[in-house]
Amino acid sequence: MKNLLHFVLSIFVISSFFGCKGDVVKTPDEFLKQENVLPWLPLLSEIFEIDNKERVFFTRNNGYSICYFDIQEQKIDTLIYEMPARVATMCYNHNDGTIWVQSDETHFALWNTKTQTQIDCPPIKYKGEKILWMCGTNDPFFACGNRLFTGLIPEEAFTDYNFDYAGFREKSSLIAEWDISDENNIKCVKIFGKRPSDQPKDMFVDDCYYTAFNVEDSVIVAATELSQRVVVMNFKGEKLKEKKLSSVFYVPPEKKDFSQNHSAIDKINYWNSNMLFRGLYYDKYRKLYYRLLVLSGEKSENTFTKKEADWVLIVADSKLRKKYEVRFEREKYNGFLLIGKQGVYVRKKKNKTFDLFVFD
């Protein structure tokens, strides 16, 4: 009897260790290092490390100016760049010190801060459609060496509201690679990047394609808002594998066909009533991946404002093995992250300052 009890306890310990390690849910307080470490900053903010100094670059003047906040000296610098158009998003090329900016215009021109020149998307056809580069939080935008990686969108989708955008996206790849060695002759050299195999068919809510670029290991990890799995590719665009990177809180979304146009209220209500993944990041300083899952909120019958919901940060190692999850309360934090040398800065909901967390 004693031997049997010992055997049962051994099996329980082993299964607990190997089967549930990644399903551990922790609280933010376990990783909180400092409160109010960054001041209020706009949602369009990015941390760039330039000359071994970290700065948070952000927009002012209604999006027509770029300034920065010096993290070490804790001060906001004066105007850095005046832009010819409103800034939509930006990324930094560590190889040559260029900040690439996409303008918030119909044709999404890019701006090179180093040469102070505007660059229009070269004419290129894909799947029978003229496409434009599409950059931002929900689409790839990453510069490395003489290559720029962006999302893509048919130009016709901007002018024809009946254009079958979901139909195009269903058959298309989602990353465009551009040769930017000569800004007077930018070329599209490759289009690649598939959705994970568990992406529900005909369900393209925002058609988000979140990407995490890991230069050290030469891999790109990508996922959608509806897939529990992530795709791992190399920088040649070749798919290496898929891995599940999900949450213990996840509930599969309600089946809904988004192949046809739907009203904004329909989509907002869908976001509110279903759990959607809303971010994928690589932390090169700690060699960790973070994936953000927004939990279900409340339905809104006639408003365009999305209801707030708790959210979960899924933490995985450099091999995409889940370590644990951290659940953040919607009343305290809003899910906007900045990743830097010191840790992960998370924006507070009340006063819009940032608390510093260090995950391990």
Protein backbone atom coordinates (compact mmCIF):
# COMPACT_ATOMS: atom_id res chain seq x y z
CA MET A 1 0.00 0.00 0.00
CA LYS A 2 2.84 2.33 0.90
CA ASN A 3 4.55 1.60 -2.45
CA LEU A 4 1.32 2.24 -4.35
CA LEU A 5 0.84 5.59 -2.60
CA HIS A 6 4.42 6.55 -3.38
CA PHE A 7 3.91 5.63 -7.05
CA VAL A 8 0.71 7.70 -7.33
CA LEU A 9 2.35 10.71 -5.72
CA SER A 10 5.34 10.39 -8.06
CA ILE A 11 3.08 10.36 -11.12
CA PHE A 12 1.23 13.43 -9.81
CA VAL A 13 4.45 15.39 -9.26
CA ILE A 14 5.88 14.48 -12.65
CA SER A 15 2.66 15.33 -14.52
CA SER A 16 2.35 18.60 -12.63
CA PHE A 17 5.89 19.58 -13.52
CA PHE A 18 5.79 18.66 -17.20
CA GLY A 19 2.14 19.22 -18.04
CA CYS A 20 1.27 22.44 -16.25
CA LYS A 21 4.45 24.49 -16.13
CA GLY A 22 3.39 26.83 -18.94
CA ASP A 23 -0.15 27.12 -17.62
CA VAL A 24 0.89 28.99 -14.48
CA VAL A 25 -0.96 32.31 -14.12
CA LYS A 26 0.88 35.03 -12.22
CA THR A 27 0.01 38.53 -11.06
CA PRO A 28 1.65 41.74 -12.34
CA ASP A 29 2.91 42.56 -8.83
CA GLU A 30 5.35 39.66 -9.05
CA PHE A 31 7.23 41.46 -11.85
CA LEU A 32 6.67 45.14 -11.00
CA LYS A 33 9.99 46.97 -10.55
CA GLN A 34 9.03 50.64 -10.56
CA GLU A 35 5.87 52.70 -10.84
CA ASN A 36 5.40 55.81 -12.96
CA VAL A 37 8.82 55.40 -14.56
CA LEU A 38 7.75 57.05 -17.84
CA PRO A 39 5.49 60.11 -18.16
CA TRP A 40 2.33 60.38 -20.21
CA LEU A 41 3.15 59.58 -23.84
CA PRO A 42 0.91 59.22 -26.90
CA LEU A 43 -0.11 55.76 -28.11
CA LEU A 44 2.09 56.32 -31.16
CA SER A 45 5.39 55.89 -29.29
CA GLU A 46 8.37 53.60 -29.94
CA ILE A 47 11.61 52.94 -28.03
CA PHE A 48 14.71 53.20 -30.23
CA GLU A 49 18.27 52.65 -28.99
CA ILE A 50 20.55 55.15 -30.72
CA ASP A 51 24.25 55.48 -29.83
CA ASN A 52 23.68 53.21 -26.81
CA LYS A 53 21.06 55.58 -25.44
CA GLU A 54 17.39 54.66 -25.18
CA ARG A 55 14.83 57.19 -26.25
CA VAL A 56 11.07 57.02 -26.63
CA PHE A 57 10.16 58.62 -29.95
CA PHE A 58 6.62 59.94 -30.19
CA THR A 59 4.48 62.33 -32.22
CA ARG A 60 3.25 65.81 -31.38
CA ASN A 61 1.55 68.66 -33.20
CA ASN A 62 -1.36 66.43 -34.20
CA GLY A 63 1.01 63.86 -35.68
CA TYR A 64 3.11 66.25 -37.79
CA SER A 65 6.15 66.37 -35.52
CA ILE A 66 8.42 63.75 -33.95
CA CYS A 67 10.02 64.32 -30.53
CA TYR A 68 11.74 62.03 -28.08
CA PHE A 69 11.92 61.38 -24.35
CA ASP A 70 15.37 60.55 -22.98
CA ILE A 71 14.81 57.63 -20.57
CA GLN A 72 18.14 57.98 -18.78
CA GLU A 73 17.96 61.74 -18.26
CA GLN A 74 14.16 61.71 -17.80
CA LYS A 75 13.50 64.70 -20.02
CA ILE A 76 11.59 65.44 -23.19
CA ASP A 77 13.72 66.88 -25.96
CA THR A 78 12.63 69.59 -28.33
CA LEU A 79 11.35 69.02 -31.85
CA ILE A 80 13.39 66.48 -33.83
CA TYR A 81 11.57 66.29 -37.17
CA GLU A 82 8.83 68.23 -38.88
CA MET A 83 6.89 65.89 -41.14
CA PRO A 84 5.21 66.75 -44.47
CA ALA A 85 2.24 64.54 -43.56
CA ARG A 86 0.69 63.06 -40.44
CA VAL A 87 2.71 60.17 -38.99
CA ALA A 88 0.93 56.80 -38.95
CA THR A 89 3.77 54.63 -37.62
CA MET A 90 7.57 54.41 -37.53
CA CYS A 91 10.45 51.95 -37.20
CA TYR A 92 14.21 52.25 -36.74
CA ASN A 93 17.00 50.73 -38.82
CA HIS A 94 19.91 50.07 -36.46
CA ASN A 95 22.28 49.48 -39.38
CA ASP A 96 22.22 53.00 -40.77
CA GLY A 97 20.41 55.09 -38.14
CA THR A 98 17.36 55.80 -40.30
CA ILE A 99 13.90 56.21 -38.83
CA TRP A 100 11.36 55.08 -41.41
CA VAL A 101 7.98 56.76 -41.10
CA GLN A 102 4.75 55.86 -42.85
CA SER A 103 2.43 58.78 -43.46
CA ASP A 104 -1.28 58.65 -42.77
CA GLU A 105 -2.29 59.33 -46.37
CA THR A 106 -4.28 57.50 -49.01
CA HIS A 107 -1.17 56.03 -50.62
CA PHE A 108 0.88 55.50 -47.45
CA ALA A 109 4.10 57.19 -48.58
CA LEU A 110 7.24 56.49 -46.53
CA TRP A 111 9.56 59.17 -45.17
CA ASN A 112 13.30 58.68 -44.66
CA THR A 113 14.37 60.88 -41.73
CA LYS A 114 18.05 60.58 -42.62
CA THR A 115 17.76 61.90 -46.17
CA GLN A 116 14.57 63.91 -45.49
CA THR A 117 12.87 62.45 -48.53
CA GLN A 118 9.42 61.07 -49.21
CA ILE A 119 9.14 57.75 -51.01
CA ASP A 120 6.03 56.51 -52.77
CA CYS A 121 5.29 52.82 -53.05
CA PRO A 122 6.71 51.44 -56.32
CA PRO A 123 4.07 50.08 -58.71
CA ILE A 124 3.76 46.35 -58.19
CA LYS A 125 1.06 43.81 -58.97
CA TYR A 126 0.26 40.78 -56.86
CA LYS A 127 -2.63 38.34 -57.31
CA GLY A 128 -3.90 40.59 -60.11
CA GLU A 129 -4.05 43.70 -57.91
CA LYS A 130 -1.86 46.77 -57.58
CA ILE A 131 -0.67 46.74 -54.00
CA LEU A 132 0.62 49.29 -51.51
CA TRP A 133 2.77 48.77 -48.45
CA MET A 134 0.79 48.67 -45.21
CA CYS A 135 2.65 49.27 -41.95
CA GLY A 136 1.73 49.60 -38.32
CA THR A 137 0.85 47.93 -35.06
CA ASN A 138 -1.29 45.29 -36.79
CA ASP A 139 0.97 44.83 -39.80
CA PRO A 140 4.70 44.15 -40.28
CA PHE A 141 7.02 47.19 -40.27
CA PHE A 142 10.66 46.35 -39.66
CA ALA A 143 13.95 47.57 -41.16
CA CYS A 144 17.20 45.62 -41.09
CA GLY A 145 20.23 46.38 -43.25
CA ASN A 146 19.07 47.14 -46.79
CA ARG A 147 15.73 45.40 -46.31
CA LEU A 148 12.36 46.75 -45.22
CA PHE A 149 9.49 44.42 -44.28
CA THR A 150 5.90 45.66 -44.50
CA GLY A 151 2.37 44.43 -44.84
CA LEU A 152 0.46 44.87 -48.11
CA ILE A 153 -2.98 46.00 -49.19
CA PRO A 154 -4.68 46.36 -52.61
CA GLU A 155 -4.87 50.00 -53.71
CA GLU A 156 -8.44 49.45 -54.93
CA ALA A 157 -9.54 48.61 -51.39
CA PHE A 158 -9.20 52.33 -50.54
CA THR A 159 -11.52 53.57 -53.28
CA ASP A 160 -14.02 50.74 -53.82
CA TYR A 161 -16.04 49.93 -50.70
CA ASN A 162 -17.41 46.81 -52.39
CA PHE A 163 -13.95 45.42 -53.07
CA ASP A 164 -13.65 41.83 -51.80
CA TYR A 165 -10.78 42.61 -49.43
CA ALA A 166 -11.29 39.48 -47.31
CA GLY A 167 -11.29 37.36 -50.46
CA PHE A 168 -7.98 38.88 -51.56
CA ARG A 169 -6.43 38.38 -48.12
CA GLU A 170 -7.56 34.79 -47.93
CA LYS A 171 -5.46 33.88 -50.96
CA SER A 172 -2.56 36.30 -50.41
CA SER A 173 0.63 36.18 -48.41
CA LEU A 174 1.02 38.92 -45.82
CA ILE A 175 4.61 40.23 -45.77
CA ALA A 176 6.31 42.25 -48.50
CA GLU A 177 10.11 42.51 -48.47
CA TRP A 178 11.63 45.60 -50.11
CA ASP A 179 15.20 46.33 -51.20
CA ILE A 180 15.90 49.84 -49.85
CA SER A 181 19.61 50.03 -50.71
CA ASP A 182 18.77 52.73 -53.26
CA GLU A 183 15.80 54.82 -52.18
CA ASN A 184 15.45 56.11 -55.74
CA ASN A 185 14.92 52.56 -56.94
CA ILE A 186 13.12 50.63 -54.21
CA LYS A 187 12.09 47.15 -55.32
CA CYS A 188 9.78 44.49 -53.94
CA VAL A 189 11.96 41.37 -53.84
CA LYS A 190 9.63 38.91 -52.13
CA ILE A 191 6.08 38.42 -50.87
CA PHE A 192 5.67 35.70 -48.26
CA GLY A 193 4.09 34.89 -44.90
CA LYS A 194 1.11 32.60 -44.42
CA ARG A 195 -1.42 32.46 -41.63
CA PRO A 196 -1.20 29.65 -39.07
CA SER A 197 -3.07 26.48 -40.02
CA ASP A 198 -5.70 27.00 -37.30
CA GLN A 199 -6.87 30.36 -38.72
CA PRO A 200 -10.67 29.92 -39.15
CA LYS A 201 -11.69 30.16 -42.79
CA ASP A 202 -13.56 33.32 -43.90
CA MET A 203 -13.00 34.96 -40.52
CA PHE A 204 -10.86 38.02 -41.11
CA VAL A 205 -11.95 40.46 -38.44
CA ASP A 206 -9.31 43.14 -38.89
CA ASP A 207 -7.02 40.82 -40.80
CA CYS A 208 -4.26 41.63 -38.32
CA TYR A 209 -0.92 39.93 -38.94
CA TYR A 210 1.24 40.37 -35.87
CA THR A 211 4.97 39.80 -36.34
CA ALA A 212 7.99 39.54 -34.04
CA PHE A 213 11.39 39.90 -35.74
CA ASN A 214 14.20 38.04 -33.97
CA VAL A 215 17.38 39.15 -35.76
CA GLU A 216 19.68 37.22 -33.42
CA ASP A 217 18.14 33.86 -34.37
CA SER A 218 17.20 35.00 -37.91
CA VAL A 219 13.54 34.12 -37.49
CA ILE A 220 10.20 35.88 -37.91
CA VAL A 221 7.29 34.74 -35.77
CA ALA A 222 3.79 35.63 -36.99
CA ALA A 223 0.18 35.10 -35.94
CA THR A 224 -3.31 36.48 -36.42
CA GLU A 225 -5.90 37.70 -33.94
CA LEU A 226 -7.82 34.42 -34.29
CA SER A 227 -5.06 31.79 -34.29
CA GLN A 228 -3.77 30.01 -31.20
CA ARG A 229 -0.76 28.86 -33.20
CA VAL A 230 2.14 30.97 -34.48
CA VAL A 231 4.17 30.51 -37.65
CA VAL A 232 7.98 30.52 -37.46
CA MET A 233 9.82 31.57 -40.65
CA ASN A 234 13.40 32.42 -41.52
CA PHE A 235 14.37 35.71 -43.15
CA LYS A 236 14.25 33.99 -46.55
CA GLY A 237 10.51 33.61 -46.06
CA GLU A 238 10.64 29.84 -45.62
CA LYS A 239 8.26 28.35 -43.07
CA LEU A 240 10.16 26.40 -40.42
CA LYS A 241 7.39 25.26 -38.11
CA GLU A 242 4.23 26.11 -36.22
CA LYS A 243 3.81 26.18 -32.45
CA LYS A 244 0.84 26.66 -30.19
CA LEU A 245 1.19 29.79 -28.08
CA SER A 246 -2.12 30.31 -26.33
CA SER A 247 -3.69 30.96 -22.94
CA VAL A 248 -5.50 28.91 -20.30
CA PHE A 249 -8.22 31.59 -20.51
CA TYR A 250 -8.72 31.25 -24.27
CA VAL A 251 -12.15 30.36 -25.60
CA PRO A 252 -12.52 29.85 -29.39
CA PRO A 253 -14.39 32.74 -31.06
CA GLU A 254 -17.94 32.60 -32.26
CA LYS A 255 -18.06 31.44 -35.87
CA LYS A 256 -18.83 34.39 -38.14
CA ASP A 257 -18.34 34.83 -41.89
CA PHE A 258 -16.43 38.05 -42.56
CA SER A 259 -15.99 37.36 -46.27
CA GLN A 260 -18.57 40.07 -46.98
CA ASN A 261 -18.71 43.65 -45.71
CA HIS A 262 -20.12 44.19 -42.22
CA SER A 263 -20.93 47.37 -40.33
CA ALA A 264 -18.45 48.82 -37.85
CA ILE A 265 -20.88 48.10 -35.01
CA ASP A 266 -21.05 44.42 -36.04
CA LYS A 267 -17.27 44.18 -35.85
CA ILE A 268 -16.98 46.06 -32.56
CA ASN A 269 -19.59 43.83 -30.97
CA TYR A 270 -17.65 40.83 -32.25
CA TRP A 271 -14.44 42.15 -30.67
CA ASN A 272 -16.26 42.76 -27.39
CA SER A 273 -17.86 39.33 -27.16
CA ASN A 274 -14.86 37.21 -28.22
CA MET A 275 -11.29 36.72 -27.07
CA LEU A 276 -8.82 38.05 -29.62
CA PHE A 277 -5.03 38.08 -29.68
CA ARG A 278 -3.83 41.68 -30.00
CA GLY A 279 -0.05 41.72 -30.06
CA LEU A 280 3.14 39.69 -30.59
CA TYR A 281 6.56 40.96 -29.45
CA TYR A 282 10.18 39.83 -29.16
CA ASP A 283 12.26 41.09 -26.23
CA LYS A 284 15.86 40.88 -27.44
CA TYR A 285 17.25 41.91 -24.06
CA ARG A 286 15.73 38.98 -22.18
CA LYS A 287 15.23 36.65 -25.17
CA LEU A 288 11.52 36.32 -24.53
CA TYR A 289 8.40 36.41 -26.68
CA TYR A 290 5.24 38.11 -25.45
CA ARG A 291 1.76 37.52 -26.84
CA LEU A 292 -1.22 39.59 -25.76
CA LEU A 293 -4.74 38.17 -25.45
CA VAL A 294 -7.69 40.49 -24.80
CA LEU A 295 -10.42 38.68 -22.88
CA SER A 296 -14.13 39.05 -23.60
CA GLY A 297 -15.82 42.36 -22.88
CA GLU A 298 -19.46 43.41 -22.86
CA LYS A 299 -21.54 43.88 -25.99
CA SER A 300 -22.40 47.40 -27.07
CA GLU A 301 -25.58 47.78 -29.08
CA ASN A 302 -25.07 51.20 -30.68
CA THR A 303 -21.66 52.61 -29.91
CA PHE A 304 -18.35 52.74 -31.75
CA THR A 305 -16.36 52.61 -28.53
CA LYS A 306 -14.87 49.25 -27.64
CA LYS A 307 -15.50 48.20 -24.06
CA GLU A 308 -12.41 47.63 -21.95
CA ALA A 309 -11.54 44.07 -20.90
CA ASP A 310 -8.89 42.33 -18.83
CA TRP A 311 -5.93 41.13 -20.85
CA VAL A 312 -3.30 38.43 -20.51
CA LEU A 313 0.40 38.59 -21.39
CA ILE A 314 1.68 35.17 -22.46
CA VAL A 315 5.43 34.86 -21.83
CA ALA A 316 7.53 32.33 -23.79
CA ASP A 317 11.26 31.62 -24.08
CA SER A 318 13.37 31.98 -27.23
CA LYS A 319 12.15 28.56 -28.43
CA LEU A 320 8.51 29.65 -27.99
CA ARG A 321 7.99 27.39 -25.00
CA LYS A 322 5.41 29.03 -22.81
CA LYS A 323 6.71 29.87 -19.34
CA TYR A 324 3.68 31.47 -17.69
CA GLU A 325 0.90 34.03 -18.14
CA VAL A 326 0.30 37.35 -16.43
CA ARG A 327 -3.24 38.66 -16.12
CA PHE A 328 -3.65 42.45 -16.05
CA GLU A 329 -6.81 44.13 -14.79
CA ARG A 330 -8.53 46.43 -17.26
CA GLU A 331 -9.16 49.04 -14.56
CA LYS A 332 -5.41 49.54 -14.06
CA TYR A 333 -3.54 48.84 -17.32
CA ASN A 334 -4.63 49.27 -20.93
CA GLY A 335 -2.37 46.80 -22.78
CA PHE A 336 0.02 49.27 -24.46
CA LEU A 337 3.62 48.02 -24.16
CA LEU A 338 7.07 49.49 -24.81
CA ILE A 339 10.04 47.12 -24.64
CA GLY A 340 13.43 48.45 -23.55
CA LYS A 341 16.72 47.57 -21.89
CA GLN A 342 15.37 47.94 -18.37
CA GLY A 343 12.24 45.89 -18.99
CA VAL A 344 8.70 46.22 -20.32
CA TYR A 345 6.88 49.51 -19.81
CA VAL A 346 3.11 49.08 -19.48
CA ARG A 347 0.77 52.05 -19.73
CA LYS A 348 -1.58 52.75 -16.83
CA LYS A 349 -5.17 53.51 -17.60
CA LYS A 350 -5.79 56.27 -15.06
CA ASN A 351 -2.95 58.76 -15.50
CA LYS A 352 -1.40 57.32 -18.72
CA THR A 353 2.06 57.00 -17.13
CA PHE A 354 4.05 53.77 -17.44
CA ASP A 355 5.05 51.18 -14.86
CA LEU A 356 8.19 49.07 -15.40
CA PHE A 357 7.97 45.27 -15.33
CA VAL A 358 10.80 42.75 -15.72
CA PHE A 359 9.80 39.26 -16.85
CA ASP A 360 12.15 36.29 -16.64
